[in-house]
């Protein structure tokens, strides 16, 4: 799976209509939820319903958020939903690399028993406690199948006794730490937290822009109306693409002539600038398919 992963949209696994319709609203990936959105009394029965939904024809990757590692549900959640129909597990409340390695091992056994290639099922942890953030470098570098981390600000601010404000300034340290740990580990850029105020598009856009500028590749979403704004923010604009194409073309011409530093429209261009331009072009190519 190469993405793009600008938007991961949650849907409650126990809601018959939503767990099917969620695949039709334009998100880059879908997360069917067995954790917070499902009452305790319905968690066990919801496993089969989620699996059935994933086996239907769909146009984007399907993930399942299982219950936390320390709960009584996690192990059986994974056994029930993992198979060729599943693209990935979202593991909440990750606090140690050992938790991630344990689930990675379990998925490897399931893949072997069900005739799948090892590593076929993605594993995306959510960093959402102080303890998890403190260990984020070790979690990112745990040597598992994990391709990217994600951030959960609701539980993080609860755990830390923080007030989750509209401008989200209090999240800056956590966001920066998660991006840095991902880069040090050599995995993909992480996915940012949900934004819980569904009708506040202005602050949703601000939140997504901040996350993009800090180095996140996308955002978790909780409502279909959030998809278009967030996808738009994490998609390079036509002007950015045109500028990137111009920079790459000019630099390649100059490099062939023996120069590795030039000016393009009054802007100094060397290898770091060109590499960033190439990343923009690679991203837009993935988005356009």
C-alpha atoms as a PDB file:
ATOM      1  CA  UNK A   1       0.000   0.000   0.000  1.00  0.00           C
ATOM      2  CA  UNK A   2       1.605   3.227  -1.152  1.00  0.00           C
ATOM      3  CA  UNK A   3      -1.228   5.598  -0.332  1.00  0.00           C
ATOM      4  CA  UNK A   4      -1.890   8.402  -0.516  1.00  0.00           C
ATOM      5  CA  UNK A   5      -3.154   8.399   3.060  1.00  0.00           C
ATOM      6  CA  UNK A   6      -4.504  11.921   3.440  1.00  0.00           C
ATOM      7  CA  UNK A   7      -7.676  10.752   5.178  1.00  0.00           C
ATOM      8  CA  UNK A   8      -8.558   7.759   7.357  1.00  0.00           C
ATOM      9  CA  UNK A   9     -12.295   7.845   8.079  1.00  0.00           C
ATOM     10  CA  UNK A  10     -13.700   6.091  11.151  1.00  0.00           C
ATOM     11  CA  UNK A  11     -17.078   4.367  11.161  1.00  0.00           C
ATOM     12  CA  UNK A  12     -18.687   2.486  14.062  1.00  0.00           C
ATOM     13  CA  UNK A  13     -18.480  -1.229  13.410  1.00  0.00           C
ATOM     14  CA  UNK A  14     -21.873  -1.876  14.977  1.00  0.00           C
ATOM     15  CA  UNK A  15     -23.771   0.466  12.653  1.00  0.00           C
ATOM     16  CA  UNK A  16     -25.018  -1.580   9.686  1.00  0.00           C
ATOM     17  CA  UNK A  17     -25.468   1.255   7.205  1.00  0.00           C
ATOM     18  CA  UNK A  18     -22.360   3.262   8.092  1.00  0.00           C
ATOM     19  CA  UNK A  19     -19.932   0.343   7.964  1.00  0.00           C
ATOM     20  CA  UNK A  20     -20.913  -0.176   4.323  1.00  0.00           C
ATOM     21  CA  UNK A  21     -21.535   3.403   3.117  1.00  0.00           C
ATOM     22  CA  UNK A  22     -18.279   4.679   4.651  1.00  0.00           C
ATOM     23  CA  UNK A  23     -16.341   3.173   1.744  1.00  0.00           C
ATOM     24  CA  UNK A  24     -18.224   5.368  -0.738  1.00  0.00           C
ATOM     25  CA  UNK A  25     -17.522   8.895   0.546  1.00  0.00           C
ATOM     26  CA  UNK A  26     -14.035   9.540  -0.837  1.00  0.00           C
ATOM     27  CA  UNK A  27     -11.675   8.799   2.053  1.00  0.00           C
ATOM     28  CA  UNK A  28      -8.280   7.385   1.169  1.00  0.00           C
ATOM     29  CA  UNK A  29      -8.814   4.626   3.753  1.00  0.00           C
ATOM     30  CA  UNK A  30     -11.539   3.511   6.147  1.00  0.00           C
ATOM     31  CA  UNK A  31     -11.271   2.371   9.770  1.00  0.00           C
ATOM     32  CA  UNK A  32     -14.150   0.238  11.040  1.00  0.00           C
ATOM     33  CA  UNK A  33     -14.168   0.682  14.788  1.00  0.00           C
ATOM     34  CA  UNK A  34     -14.439  -1.974  17.478  1.00  0.00           C
ATOM     35  CA  UNK A  35     -13.144   0.290  20.248  1.00  0.00           C
ATOM     36  CA  UNK A  36     -14.634   3.586  21.462  1.00  0.00           C
ATOM     37  CA  UNK A  37     -17.608   3.670  19.082  1.00  0.00           C
ATOM     38  CA  UNK A  38     -18.936   0.255  20.142  1.00  0.00           C
ATOM     39  CA  UNK A  39     -20.602  -0.416  23.517  1.00  0.00           C
ATOM     40  CA  UNK A  40     -19.057  -3.198  25.594  1.00  0.00           C
ATOM     41  CA  UNK A  41     -22.172  -5.354  25.248  1.00  0.00           C
ATOM     42  CA  UNK A  42     -21.885  -5.282  21.435  1.00  0.00           C
ATOM     43  CA  UNK A  43     -18.125  -5.672  20.949  1.00  0.00           C
ATOM     44  CA  UNK A  44     -18.063  -9.444  20.467  1.00  0.00           C
ATOM     45  CA  UNK A  45     -20.999  -9.579  18.027  1.00  0.00           C
ATOM     46  CA  UNK A  46     -19.625  -6.645  16.034  1.00  0.00           C
ATOM     47  CA  UNK A  47     -16.491  -8.572  15.026  1.00  0.00           C
ATOM     48  CA  UNK A  48     -18.357 -10.730  12.532  1.00  0.00           C
ATOM     49  CA  UNK A  49     -20.290  -7.803  11.111  1.00  0.00           C
ATOM     50  CA  UNK A  50     -17.060  -5.880  10.513  1.00  0.00           C
ATOM     51  CA  UNK A  51     -15.458  -8.863   8.804  1.00  0.00           C
ATOM     52  CA  UNK A  52     -18.473  -9.273   6.519  1.00  0.00           C
ATOM     53  CA  UNK A  53     -18.297  -5.582   5.571  1.00  0.00           C
ATOM     54  CA  UNK A  54     -14.612  -5.883   4.685  1.00  0.00           C
ATOM     55  CA  UNK A  55     -15.318  -8.842   2.394  1.00  0.00           C
ATOM     56  CA  UNK A  56     -17.630  -6.739   0.233  1.00  0.00           C
ATOM     57  CA  UNK A  57     -16.403  -5.037  -2.924  1.00  0.00           C
ATOM     58  CA  UNK A  58     -14.782  -1.689  -2.033  1.00  0.00           C
ATOM     59  CA  UNK A  59     -12.616   0.989  -3.596  1.00  0.00           C
ATOM     60  CA  UNK A  60     -10.250   1.895  -0.746  1.00  0.00           C
ATOM     61  CA  UNK A  61      -8.253   0.100   1.966  1.00  0.00           C
ATOM     62  CA  UNK A  62     -10.167  -1.184   4.973  1.00  0.00           C
ATOM     63  CA  UNK A  63      -8.695  -1.144   8.479  1.00  0.00           C
ATOM     64  CA  UNK A  64     -10.123  -2.164  11.839  1.00  0.00           C
ATOM     65  CA  UNK A  65      -9.420  -0.398  15.104  1.00  0.00           C
ATOM     66  CA  UNK A  66      -9.350  -3.156  17.670  1.00  0.00           C
ATOM     67  CA  UNK A  67      -9.578  -2.628  21.402  1.00  0.00           C
ATOM     68  CA  UNK A  68      -6.446  -1.738  23.331  1.00  0.00           C
ATOM     69  CA  UNK A  69      -3.700  -4.255  24.011  1.00  0.00           C
ATOM     70  CA  UNK A  70      -4.414  -4.334  27.747  1.00  0.00           C
ATOM     71  CA  UNK A  71      -8.133  -5.049  27.328  1.00  0.00           C
ATOM     72  CA  UNK A  72      -9.858  -8.426  27.367  1.00  0.00           C
ATOM     73  CA  UNK A  73     -11.005  -7.894  23.771  1.00  0.00           C
ATOM     74  CA  UNK A  74      -7.803  -7.192  21.822  1.00  0.00           C
ATOM     75  CA  UNK A  75      -6.585 -10.742  21.154  1.00  0.00           C
ATOM     76  CA  UNK A  76      -9.944 -12.098  20.029  1.00  0.00           C
ATOM     77  CA  UNK A  77     -10.645  -8.927  18.001  1.00  0.00           C
ATOM     78  CA  UNK A  78      -7.521  -9.586  15.951  1.00  0.00           C
ATOM     79  CA  UNK A  79      -8.228 -13.294  15.510  1.00  0.00           C
ATOM     80  CA  UNK A  80     -11.736 -12.518  14.301  1.00  0.00           C
ATOM     81  CA  UNK A  81     -11.027  -9.765  11.781  1.00  0.00           C
ATOM     82  CA  UNK A  82      -7.589 -10.600  10.364  1.00  0.00           C
ATOM     83  CA  UNK A  83      -7.507 -12.316   6.992  1.00  0.00           C
ATOM     84  CA  UNK A  84      -7.088 -11.677   3.257  1.00  0.00           C
ATOM     85  CA  UNK A  85     -10.012  -9.228   3.389  1.00  0.00           C
ATOM     86  CA  UNK A  86      -8.227  -6.888   5.854  1.00  0.00           C
ATOM     87  CA  UNK A  87      -5.707  -4.208   4.913  1.00  0.00           C
ATOM     88  CA  UNK A  88      -4.648  -3.188   8.381  1.00  0.00           C
ATOM     89  CA  UNK A  89      -5.089  -3.168  12.140  1.00  0.00           C
ATOM     90  CA  UNK A  90      -5.228   0.118  14.043  1.00  0.00           C
ATOM     91  CA  UNK A  91      -3.926  -0.513  17.552  1.00  0.00           C
ATOM     92  CA  UNK A  92      -4.959   2.148  20.090  1.00  0.00           C
ATOM     93  CA  UNK A  93      -3.252   3.213  23.305  1.00  0.00           C
ATOM     94  CA  UNK A  94       0.185   1.854  22.347  1.00  0.00           C
ATOM     95  CA  UNK A  95       2.689   2.583  25.099  1.00  0.00           C
ATOM     96  CA  UNK A  96       5.601   0.181  24.580  1.00  0.00           C
ATOM     97  CA  UNK A  97       7.442  -1.401  21.654  1.00  0.00           C
ATOM     98  CA  UNK A  98       6.750  -4.795  23.246  1.00  0.00           C
ATOM     99  CA  UNK A  99       3.018  -4.341  22.671  1.00  0.00           C
ATOM    100  CA  UNK A 100       3.620  -3.618  19.006  1.00  0.00           C
ATOM    101  CA  UNK A 101       5.982  -6.575  18.585  1.00  0.00           C
ATOM    102  CA  UNK A 102       3.463  -8.895  20.241  1.00  0.00           C
ATOM    103  CA  UNK A 103       0.664  -7.918  17.856  1.00  0.00           C
ATOM    104  CA  UNK A 104       3.086  -8.080  14.925  1.00  0.00           C
ATOM    105  CA  UNK A 105       3.934 -11.673  15.910  1.00  0.00           C
ATOM    106  CA  UNK A 106       0.256 -12.599  16.219  1.00  0.00           C
ATOM    107  CA  UNK A 107      -0.511 -11.174  12.778  1.00  0.00           C
ATOM    108  CA  UNK A 108       2.379 -13.174  11.304  1.00  0.00           C
ATOM    109  CA  UNK A 109       0.881 -16.407  12.669  1.00  0.00           C
ATOM    110  CA  UNK A 110      -2.548 -15.527  11.282  1.00  0.00           C
ATOM    111  CA  UNK A 111      -1.060 -14.686   7.883  1.00  0.00           C
ATOM    112  CA  UNK A 112       0.754 -18.022   7.800  1.00  0.00           C
ATOM    113  CA  UNK A 113      -2.318 -19.991   8.822  1.00  0.00           C
ATOM    114  CA  UNK A 114      -4.550 -18.201   6.315  1.00  0.00           C
ATOM    115  CA  UNK A 115      -2.200 -18.459   3.339  1.00  0.00           C
ATOM    116  CA  UNK A 116      -1.179 -14.809   3.253  1.00  0.00           C
ATOM    117  CA  UNK A 117       2.199 -13.214   2.629  1.00  0.00           C
ATOM    118  CA  UNK A 118       3.969 -12.215   5.827  1.00  0.00           C
ATOM    119  CA  UNK A 119       3.455  -8.508   6.448  1.00  0.00           C
ATOM    120  CA  UNK A 120       0.381  -8.280   4.221  1.00  0.00           C
ATOM    121  CA  UNK A 121      -1.661  -6.782   7.064  1.00  0.00           C
ATOM    122  CA  UNK A 122      -0.564  -3.293   8.031  1.00  0.00           C
ATOM    123  CA  UNK A 123      -0.283  -2.324  11.705  1.00  0.00           C
ATOM    124  CA  UNK A 124      -0.851   1.326  12.614  1.00  0.00           C
ATOM    125  CA  UNK A 125      -0.441   2.248  16.298  1.00  0.00           C
ATOM    126  CA  UNK A 126      -2.062   5.288  17.865  1.00  0.00           C
ATOM    127  CA  UNK A 127       0.104   7.319  20.232  1.00  0.00           C
ATOM    128  CA  UNK A 128      -2.376   8.767  22.690  1.00  0.00           C
ATOM    129  CA  UNK A 129      -0.943   8.748  26.211  1.00  0.00           C
ATOM    130  CA  UNK A 130       1.949  10.416  27.954  1.00  0.00           C
ATOM    131  CA  UNK A 131       3.647   7.068  28.364  1.00  0.00           C
ATOM    132  CA  UNK A 132       3.212   6.323  24.673  1.00  0.00           C
ATOM    133  CA  UNK A 133       4.669   9.669  23.677  1.00  0.00           C
ATOM    134  CA  UNK A 134       7.600   9.170  26.046  1.00  0.00           C
ATOM    135  CA  UNK A 135       8.389   5.881  24.262  1.00  0.00           C
ATOM    136  CA  UNK A 136       7.516   7.034  20.743  1.00  0.00           C
ATOM    137  CA  UNK A 137      11.078   6.779  19.407  1.00  0.00           C
ATOM    138  CA  UNK A 138      11.325   3.167  20.577  1.00  0.00           C
ATOM    139  CA  UNK A 139       7.825   2.375  19.295  1.00  0.00           C
ATOM    140  CA  UNK A 140       8.579   3.805  15.848  1.00  0.00           C
ATOM    141  CA  UNK A 141      11.886   1.938  15.728  1.00  0.00           C
ATOM    142  CA  UNK A 142      10.574  -1.371  17.089  1.00  0.00           C
ATOM    143  CA  UNK A 143      11.346  -3.208  13.860  1.00  0.00           C
ATOM    144  CA  UNK A 144       7.781  -4.296  13.182  1.00  0.00           C
ATOM    145  CA  UNK A 145       5.577  -4.190  10.094  1.00  0.00           C
ATOM    146  CA  UNK A 146       4.388  -0.715  11.127  1.00  0.00           C
ATOM    147  CA  UNK A 147       4.614   1.700   8.207  1.00  0.00           C
ATOM    148  CA  UNK A 148       3.305   4.801   9.970  1.00  0.00           C
ATOM    149  CA  UNK A 149       2.246   6.065  13.392  1.00  0.00           C
ATOM    150  CA  UNK A 150      -0.890   8.000  14.196  1.00  0.00           C
ATOM    151  CA  UNK A 151      -1.773  10.486  16.921  1.00  0.00           C
ATOM    152  CA  UNK A 152      -4.844  10.543  19.161  1.00  0.00           C
ATOM    153  CA  UNK A 153      -5.281  13.913  20.851  1.00  0.00           C
ATOM    154  CA  UNK A 154      -8.545  13.140  22.665  1.00  0.00           C
ATOM    155  CA  UNK A 155      -7.062  10.486  24.918  1.00  0.00           C
ATOM    156  CA  UNK A 156      -3.696  12.243  25.026  1.00  0.00           C
ATOM    157  CA  UNK A 157      -5.119  15.488  26.382  1.00  0.00           C
ATOM    158  CA  UNK A 158      -7.299  13.523  28.804  1.00  0.00           C
ATOM    159  CA  UNK A 159      -4.311  11.547  30.061  1.00  0.00           C
ATOM    160  CA  UNK A 160      -2.183  14.675  30.426  1.00  0.00           C
ATOM    161  CA  UNK A 161      -4.897  16.811  32.011  1.00  0.00           C
ATOM    162  CA  UNK A 162      -4.698  19.278  29.129  1.00  0.00           C
ATOM    163  CA  UNK A 163      -7.418  21.509  27.723  1.00  0.00           C
ATOM    164  CA  UNK A 164      -7.838  20.734  24.017  1.00  0.00           C
ATOM    165  CA  UNK A 165      -8.187  24.227  22.605  1.00  0.00           C
ATOM    166  CA  UNK A 166      -9.408  25.382  19.212  1.00  0.00           C
ATOM    167  CA  UNK A 167      -5.929  26.431  18.064  1.00  0.00           C
ATOM    168  CA  UNK A 168      -4.345  23.204  19.404  1.00  0.00           C
ATOM    169  CA  UNK A 169      -1.171  24.950  20.522  1.00  0.00           C
ATOM    170  CA  UNK A 170      -0.862  22.491  23.400  1.00  0.00           C
ATOM    171  CA  UNK A 171      -0.425  19.640  20.880  1.00  0.00           C
ATOM    172  CA  UNK A 172       2.684  21.080  19.223  1.00  0.00           C
ATOM    173  CA  UNK A 173       5.205  19.152  21.287  1.00  0.00           C
ATOM    174  CA  UNK A 174       3.467  15.802  20.831  1.00  0.00           C
ATOM    175  CA  UNK A 175       3.005  16.312  17.114  1.00  0.00           C
ATOM    176  CA  UNK A 176       6.633  17.297  16.612  1.00  0.00           C
ATOM    177  CA  UNK A 177       7.849  14.319  18.648  1.00  0.00           C
ATOM    178  CA  UNK A 178       5.785  11.861  16.594  1.00  0.00           C
ATOM    179  CA  UNK A 179       7.017  13.302  13.300  1.00  0.00           C
ATOM    180  CA  UNK A 180      10.637  13.238  14.502  1.00  0.00           C
ATOM    181  CA  UNK A 181      10.396   9.656  15.775  1.00  0.00           C
ATOM    182  CA  UNK A 182       8.915   8.553  12.444  1.00  0.00           C
ATOM    183  CA  UNK A 183      11.715  10.195  10.510  1.00  0.00           C
ATOM    184  CA  UNK A 184      14.435   8.751  12.741  1.00  0.00           C
ATOM    185  CA  UNK A 185      12.920   5.258  12.325  1.00  0.00           C
ATOM    186  CA  UNK A 186      12.742   5.649   8.555  1.00  0.00           C
ATOM    187  CA  UNK A 187       9.014   4.979   8.329  1.00  0.00           C
ATOM    188  CA  UNK A 188       6.331   7.032   6.580  1.00  0.00           C
ATOM    189  CA  UNK A 189       5.208  10.393   7.939  1.00  0.00           C
ATOM    190  CA  UNK A 190       2.514   9.916  10.597  1.00  0.00           C
ATOM    191  CA  UNK A 191      -1.232  10.533  10.486  1.00  0.00           C
ATOM    192  CA  UNK A 192      -2.629  13.322  12.656  1.00  0.00           C
ATOM    193  CA  UNK A 193      -5.406  13.203  15.224  1.00  0.00           C
ATOM    194  CA  UNK A 194      -9.121  13.531  14.607  1.00  0.00           C
ATOM    195  CA  UNK A 195     -10.784  16.927  14.934  1.00  0.00           C
ATOM    196  CA  UNK A 196     -13.913  16.455  17.035  1.00  0.00           C
ATOM    197  CA  UNK A 197     -15.886  19.609  16.161  1.00  0.00           C
ATOM    198  CA  UNK A 198     -17.677  18.312  13.104  1.00  0.00           C
ATOM    199  CA  UNK A 199     -19.333  21.601  12.057  1.00  0.00           C
ATOM    200  CA  UNK A 200     -16.255  23.785  12.613  1.00  0.00           C
ATOM    201  CA  UNK A 201     -14.666  23.623   9.174  1.00  0.00           C
ATOM    202  CA  UNK A 202     -12.516  26.700   9.749  1.00  0.00           C
ATOM    203  CA  UNK A 203     -10.665  25.156  12.677  1.00  0.00           C
ATOM    204  CA  UNK A 204     -10.609  21.755  10.974  1.00  0.00           C
ATOM    205  CA  UNK A 205      -8.728  23.368   8.110  1.00  0.00           C
ATOM    206  CA  UNK A 206      -6.410  25.119  10.554  1.00  0.00           C
ATOM    207  CA  UNK A 207      -5.730  21.839  12.340  1.00  0.00           C
ATOM    208  CA  UNK A 208      -5.006  20.000   9.103  1.00  0.00           C
ATOM    209  CA  UNK A 209      -2.782  22.794   7.806  1.00  0.00           C
ATOM    210  CA  UNK A 210      -0.756  22.792  11.016  1.00  0.00           C
ATOM    211  CA  UNK A 211      -0.345  19.027  10.832  1.00  0.00           C
ATOM    212  CA  UNK A 212       0.689  19.164   7.168  1.00  0.00           C
ATOM    213  CA  UNK A 213       3.239  21.890   7.835  1.00  0.00           C
ATOM    214  CA  UNK A 214       4.712  19.897  10.741  1.00  0.00           C
ATOM    215  CA  UNK A 215       5.284  16.881   8.496  1.00  0.00           C
ATOM    216  CA  UNK A 216       2.186  14.683   8.836  1.00  0.00           C
ATOM    217  CA  UNK A 217       0.903  12.973   5.702  1.00  0.00           C
ATOM    218  CA  UNK A 218      -2.784  13.021   6.580  1.00  0.00           C
ATOM    219  CA  UNK A 219      -5.432  13.090   9.259  1.00  0.00           C
ATOM    220  CA  UNK A 220      -7.853  10.782  11.018  1.00  0.00           C
ATOM    221  CA  UNK A 221     -11.463  11.828  10.371  1.00  0.00           C
ATOM    222  CA  UNK A 222     -14.766  11.096  12.099  1.00  0.00           C
ATOM    223  CA  UNK A 223     -17.357  12.450   9.647  1.00  0.00           C
ATOM    224  CA  UNK A 224     -17.722  12.335   5.843  1.00  0.00           C
ATOM    225  CA  UNK A 225     -17.961  16.141   5.695  1.00  0.00           C
ATOM    226  CA  UNK A 226     -14.337  16.317   6.859  1.00  0.00           C
ATOM    227  CA  UNK A 227     -12.991  14.344   3.912  1.00  0.00           C
ATOM    228  CA  UNK A 228     -13.013  16.985   1.164  1.00  0.00           C
ATOM    229  CA  UNK A 229     -11.417  19.777   3.248  1.00  0.00           C
ATOM    230  CA  UNK A 230      -8.700  17.516   4.642  1.00  0.00           C
ATOM    231  CA  UNK A 231      -7.959  15.850   1.310  1.00  0.00           C
ATOM    232  CA  UNK A 232      -7.660  19.299  -0.217  1.00  0.00           C
ATOM    233  CA  UNK A 233      -5.169  20.531   2.350  1.00  0.00           C
ATOM    234  CA  UNK A 234      -2.963  17.457   2.005  1.00  0.00           C
ATOM    235  CA  UNK A 235      -3.048  17.645  -1.804  1.00  0.00           C
ATOM    236  CA  UNK A 236      -0.457  19.873  -3.514  1.00  0.00           C
ATOM    237  CA  UNK A 237      -2.098  22.790  -5.296  1.00  0.00           C
ATOM    238  CA  UNK A 238      -1.862  23.271  -9.049  1.00  0.00           C
ATOM    239  CA  UNK A 239       0.574  26.136  -8.423  1.00  0.00           C
ATOM    240  CA  UNK A 240       2.768  23.963  -6.192  1.00  0.00           C
ATOM    241  CA  UNK A 241       2.817  21.199  -8.790  1.00  0.00           C
ATOM    242  CA  UNK A 242       3.656  23.616 -11.597  1.00  0.00           C
ATOM    243  CA  UNK A 243       6.482  25.141  -9.554  1.00  0.00           C
ATOM    244  CA  UNK A 244       7.835  21.698  -8.661  1.00  0.00           C
ATOM    245  CA  UNK A 245       7.811  20.640 -12.320  1.00  0.00           C
ATOM    246  CA  UNK A 246       9.635  23.817 -13.300  1.00  0.00           C
ATOM    247  CA  UNK A 247      12.272  23.370 -10.575  1.00  0.00           C
ATOM    248  CA  UNK A 248      12.954  19.740 -11.440  1.00  0.00           C
ATOM    249  CA  UNK A 249      13.180  20.404 -15.173  1.00  0.00           C
ATOM    250  CA  UNK A 250      15.504  23.394 -14.746  1.00  0.00           C
ATOM    251  CA  UNK A 251      17.723  21.591 -12.271  1.00  0.00           C
ATOM    252  CA  UNK A 252      18.045  18.461 -14.366  1.00  0.00           C
ATOM    253  CA  UNK A 253      19.081  20.589 -17.323  1.00  0.00           C
ATOM    254  CA  UNK A 254      21.627  22.473 -15.203  1.00  0.00           C
ATOM    255  CA  UNK A 255      22.939  19.284 -13.599  1.00  0.00           C
ATOM    256  CA  UNK A 256      23.535  17.752 -17.021  1.00  0.00           C
ATOM    257  CA  UNK A 257      25.619  20.828 -17.825  1.00  0.00           C
ATOM    258  CA  UNK A 258      27.659  20.404 -14.627  1.00  0.00           C
ATOM    259  CA  UNK A 259      25.902  22.731 -12.196  1.00  0.00           C
ATOM    260  CA  UNK A 260      24.200  21.703  -8.924  1.00  0.00           C
ATOM    261  CA  UNK A 261      22.981  25.125  -7.804  1.00  0.00           C
ATOM    262  CA  UNK A 262      20.856  27.475  -9.895  1.00  0.00           C
ATOM    263  CA  UNK A 263      18.178  30.124  -9.615  1.00  0.00           C
ATOM    264  CA  UNK A 264      14.595  29.575 -10.720  1.00  0.00           C
ATOM    265  CA  UNK A 265      12.413  32.679 -10.745  1.00  0.00           C
ATOM    266  CA  UNK A 266      14.791  34.343  -8.316  1.00  0.00           C
ATOM    267  CA  UNK A 267      14.827  31.382  -5.918  1.00  0.00           C
ATOM    268  CA  UNK A 268      18.054  29.564  -5.076  1.00  0.00           C
ATOM    269  CA  UNK A 269      17.733  25.890  -5.975  1.00  0.00           C
ATOM    270  CA  UNK A 270      20.038  23.063  -4.908  1.00  0.00           C
ATOM    271  CA  UNK A 271      19.577  19.399  -4.072  1.00  0.00           C
ATOM    272  CA  UNK A 272      17.337  19.805  -0.973  1.00  0.00           C
ATOM    273  CA  UNK A 273      14.966  22.091  -2.890  1.00  0.00           C
ATOM    274  CA  UNK A 274      14.871  19.677  -5.811  1.00  0.00           C
ATOM    275  CA  UNK A 275      14.273  16.696  -3.541  1.00  0.00           C
ATOM    276  CA  UNK A 276      11.283  18.481  -2.002  1.00  0.00           C
ATOM    277  CA  UNK A 277       9.943  19.274  -5.474  1.00  0.00           C
ATOM    278  CA  UNK A 278      10.288  15.630  -6.448  1.00  0.00           C
ATOM    279  CA  UNK A 279       8.365  14.582  -3.348  1.00  0.00           C
ATOM    280  CA  UNK A 280       5.515  16.893  -4.368  1.00  0.00           C
ATOM    281  CA  UNK A 281       5.442  15.349  -7.840  1.00  0.00           C
ATOM    282  CA  UNK A 282       5.548  11.812  -6.454  1.00  0.00           C
ATOM    283  CA  UNK A 283       2.647  12.604  -4.110  1.00  0.00           C
ATOM    284  CA  UNK A 284       0.470  14.118  -6.805  1.00  0.00           C
ATOM    285  CA  UNK A 285       1.164  11.127  -9.029  1.00  0.00           C
ATOM    286  CA  UNK A 286      -0.082   8.770  -6.299  1.00  0.00           C
ATOM    287  CA  UNK A 287      -3.151  10.931  -5.721  1.00  0.00           C
ATOM    288  CA  UNK A 288      -4.009  11.000  -9.410  1.00  0.00           C
ATOM    289  CA  UNK A 289      -3.511   7.241  -9.592  1.00  0.00           C
END
